[in-house]
Amino acid sequence: MAEKQIGRVSNYFDHVGVAAIKLEKALKVGDKIKIVGGETEVKQTVKSMQIQREKVEKAKKGDEIGLKVKDKVHKGYRVFKV
């Protein structure tokens, strides 16, 4: 399956290791994603995500989600579903 860009990192909260991601396509718990930017490439499975600090199982286009990430990312990094 070809990778599809599903959003961009809009913020990163270093103290908790959470990226805020503005979605361009739907995303759900269990999906595999890749975050790419600069020298960084982070691949992981979505284990949980939040919208406005509320835990959700899925999010739609236009939502901004909070997602715990394994490595530091930066604003503007692209998010793909793999």
Protein backbone atom coordinates (compact mmCIF):
# COMPACT_ATOMS: atom_id res chain seq x y z
CA MET A 1 0.00 0.00 0.00
CA ALA A 2 1.32 3.43 -0.90
CA GLU A 3 1.94 5.86 1.93
CA LYS A 4 -0.61 8.65 2.16
CA GLN A 5 0.02 11.94 3.90
CA ILE A 6 -2.65 12.30 6.56
CA GLY A 7 -1.51 15.42 8.40
CA ARG A 8 1.20 17.67 9.78
CA VAL A 9 2.68 18.21 13.21
CA SER A 10 1.31 21.53 14.48
CA ASN A 11 3.13 21.49 17.83
CA TYR A 12 5.36 19.31 20.00
CA PHE A 13 5.32 19.17 23.78
CA ASP A 14 8.81 18.06 24.81
CA HIS A 15 8.05 17.61 28.53
CA VAL A 16 5.42 14.92 27.80
CA GLY A 17 6.65 13.63 24.40
CA VAL A 18 3.36 14.45 22.67
CA ALA A 19 2.85 15.77 19.14
CA ALA A 20 -0.22 17.78 18.18
CA ILE A 21 -1.19 16.71 14.67
CA LYS A 22 -3.65 18.50 12.39
CA LEU A 23 -5.32 15.77 10.35
CA GLU A 24 -5.98 15.96 6.60
CA LYS A 25 -7.43 12.42 6.59
CA ALA A 26 -9.03 10.11 9.18
CA LEU A 27 -6.89 8.18 11.68
CA LYS A 28 -7.77 5.48 14.20
CA VAL A 29 -6.12 3.58 17.03
CA GLY A 30 -4.19 0.66 15.55
CA ASP A 31 -3.12 2.49 12.38
CA LYS A 32 0.58 2.54 11.56
CA ILE A 33 2.06 5.98 10.95
CA LYS A 34 5.36 7.55 9.95
CA ILE A 35 6.39 11.10 10.87
CA VAL A 36 9.01 12.60 8.56
CA GLY A 37 10.96 15.84 8.67
CA GLY A 38 14.57 16.99 8.66
CA GLU A 39 16.78 14.03 9.56
CA THR A 40 13.96 12.39 11.54
CA GLU A 41 11.76 9.45 10.58
CA VAL A 42 9.55 8.00 13.32
CA LYS A 43 7.49 4.87 12.64
CA GLN A 44 4.96 3.65 15.17
CA THR A 45 1.51 2.21 15.73
CA VAL A 46 -1.13 4.55 17.14
CA LYS A 47 -1.77 3.13 20.62
CA SER A 48 -3.95 5.99 21.86
CA MET A 49 -4.80 9.55 20.94
CA GLN A 50 -6.67 12.47 22.41
CA ILE A 51 -8.76 15.38 21.21
CA GLN A 52 -8.94 18.23 23.76
CA ARG A 53 -7.53 15.87 26.43
CA GLU A 54 -10.35 13.34 25.84
CA LYS A 55 -9.24 9.85 24.78
CA VAL A 56 -10.68 8.88 21.36
CA GLU A 57 -10.53 5.74 19.20
CA LYS A 58 -10.72 7.60 15.88
CA ALA A 59 -10.41 11.11 14.50
CA LYS A 60 -11.57 12.68 11.24
CA LYS A 61 -10.20 15.16 8.72
CA GLY A 62 -9.84 18.59 10.34
CA ASP A 63 -9.38 17.27 13.89
CA GLU A 64 -6.27 18.15 15.86
CA ILE A 65 -5.09 15.21 17.91
CA GLY A 66 -2.53 14.69 20.64
CA LEU A 67 -0.34 11.64 20.10
CA LYS A 68 2.51 10.27 22.23
CA VAL A 69 5.55 9.83 19.96
CA LYS A 70 8.72 7.77 20.43
CA ASP A 71 11.14 10.51 19.30
CA LYS A 72 11.24 14.29 19.27
CA VAL A 73 9.47 15.85 16.27
CA HIS A 74 8.99 19.44 15.15
CA LYS A 75 6.23 21.68 13.84
CA GLY A 76 5.72 21.17 10.11
CA TYR A 77 6.84 17.52 10.01
CA ARG A 78 4.62 15.45 7.71
CA VAL A 79 2.57 12.51 8.98
CA PHE A 80 1.85 9.50 6.76
CA LYS A 81 -0.29 6.41 7.18
CA VAL A 82 1.77 3.33 6.19
